[in-house]
Amino acid sequence: MDTHTSPTRRALLAGGRIAGHWAAMVAGVIMMLVGLSLGVTMVLLPVGLPLGLAGLLLTLWGVSTQFSKGGATARDPMRDLP
């Protein structure tokens, strides 16, 4: 079984992971702003509060890094390749 992967494939996989995290951060911030604007009115507060909290969690996931036993380290995208 050959474990060699091309540098282009590695670069595309790493770029995809980075783009996914950026998309999660942008979507999370938008969800927080929409949740805040819905929460201003008391009628839509039950909708705005969970939406804002979901946006917060999505934003935190977007900026998160993997924690190892040795401390906080950024994930190496080349290590996780199939």
Protein backbone atom coordinates (compact mmCIF):
# COMPACT_ATOMS: atom_id res chain seq x y z
CA MET A 1 0.00 0.00 0.00
CA ASP A 2 1.45 3.33 -1.06
CA THR A 3 1.35 6.08 1.58
CA HIS A 4 2.64 8.80 -0.74
CA THR A 5 0.33 11.74 -1.37
CA SER A 6 1.03 14.57 -3.75
CA PRO A 7 1.93 18.05 -2.46
CA THR A 8 -1.01 19.49 -4.40
CA ARG A 9 -3.45 17.20 -2.57
CA ARG A 10 -1.93 18.13 0.76
CA ALA A 11 -2.18 21.84 -0.03
CA LEU A 12 -5.82 21.50 -1.12
CA LEU A 13 -6.76 19.57 2.02
CA ALA A 14 -5.04 22.13 4.24
CA GLY A 15 -6.73 24.98 2.37
CA GLY A 16 -10.09 23.28 2.73
CA ARG A 17 -9.67 22.99 6.48
CA ILE A 18 -8.69 26.64 6.76
CA ALA A 19 -11.63 27.71 4.57
CA GLY A 20 -13.99 25.63 6.71
CA HIS A 21 -12.84 27.34 9.89
CA TRP A 22 -13.13 30.78 8.30
CA ALA A 23 -16.64 29.98 7.06
CA ALA A 24 -17.62 28.82 10.56
CA MET A 25 -16.32 32.04 12.10
CA VAL A 26 -18.15 34.26 9.61
CA ALA A 27 -21.40 32.28 9.92
CA GLY A 28 -21.13 32.35 13.72
CA VAL A 29 -20.68 36.11 13.85
CA ILE A 30 -23.65 36.58 11.51
CA MET A 31 -25.77 34.27 13.68
CA MET A 32 -24.79 36.22 16.80
CA LEU A 33 -25.74 39.53 15.18
CA VAL A 34 -29.07 38.16 13.98
CA GLY A 35 -29.71 36.66 17.43
CA LEU A 36 -28.91 39.99 19.05
CA SER A 37 -31.23 41.88 16.74
CA LEU A 38 -34.03 39.35 17.35
CA GLY A 39 -33.45 39.51 21.09
CA VAL A 40 -34.05 43.25 21.21
CA THR A 41 -37.77 42.66 20.85
CA MET A 42 -39.28 40.73 23.74
CA VAL A 43 -41.50 38.73 21.39
CA LEU A 44 -38.58 37.20 19.50
CA LEU A 45 -36.28 36.78 22.52
CA PRO A 46 -36.93 33.00 22.73
CA VAL A 47 -35.71 32.71 19.13
CA GLY A 48 -32.84 35.19 19.36
CA LEU A 49 -31.22 33.78 22.48
CA PRO A 50 -30.62 30.23 21.19
CA LEU A 51 -29.59 31.58 17.79
CA GLY A 52 -27.02 33.89 19.37
CA LEU A 53 -25.65 31.13 21.59
CA ALA A 54 -25.40 28.76 18.63
CA GLY A 55 -23.51 31.48 16.77
CA LEU A 56 -21.15 31.86 19.71
CA LEU A 57 -20.45 28.12 19.78
CA LEU A 58 -19.92 28.06 16.01
CA THR A 59 -17.49 30.98 16.24
CA LEU A 60 -15.57 29.31 19.07
CA TRP A 61 -15.33 26.11 17.02
CA GLY A 62 -14.01 28.15 14.09
CA VAL A 63 -11.15 29.61 16.12
CA SER A 64 -10.37 26.46 18.07
CA THR A 65 -7.20 24.44 17.84
CA GLN A 66 -6.58 20.89 18.85
CA PHE A 67 -5.15 20.46 22.34
CA SER A 68 -2.58 17.76 22.86
CA LYS A 69 -1.14 16.36 26.07
CA GLY A 70 1.86 18.65 25.74
CA GLY A 71 -0.21 21.83 25.66
CA ALA A 72 -2.04 23.81 23.04
CA THR A 73 -0.70 23.21 19.54
CA ALA A 74 -2.14 23.96 16.15
CA ARG A 75 -3.20 20.90 14.18
CA ASP A 76 -0.80 19.76 11.52
CA PRO A 77 -2.96 19.24 8.41
CA MET A 78 -0.33 17.00 6.85
CA ARG A 79 -0.41 14.53 9.73
CA ASP A 80 -4.10 13.64 9.37
CA LEU A 81 -4.02 12.61 5.73
CA PRO A 82 -5.34 9.19 4.79
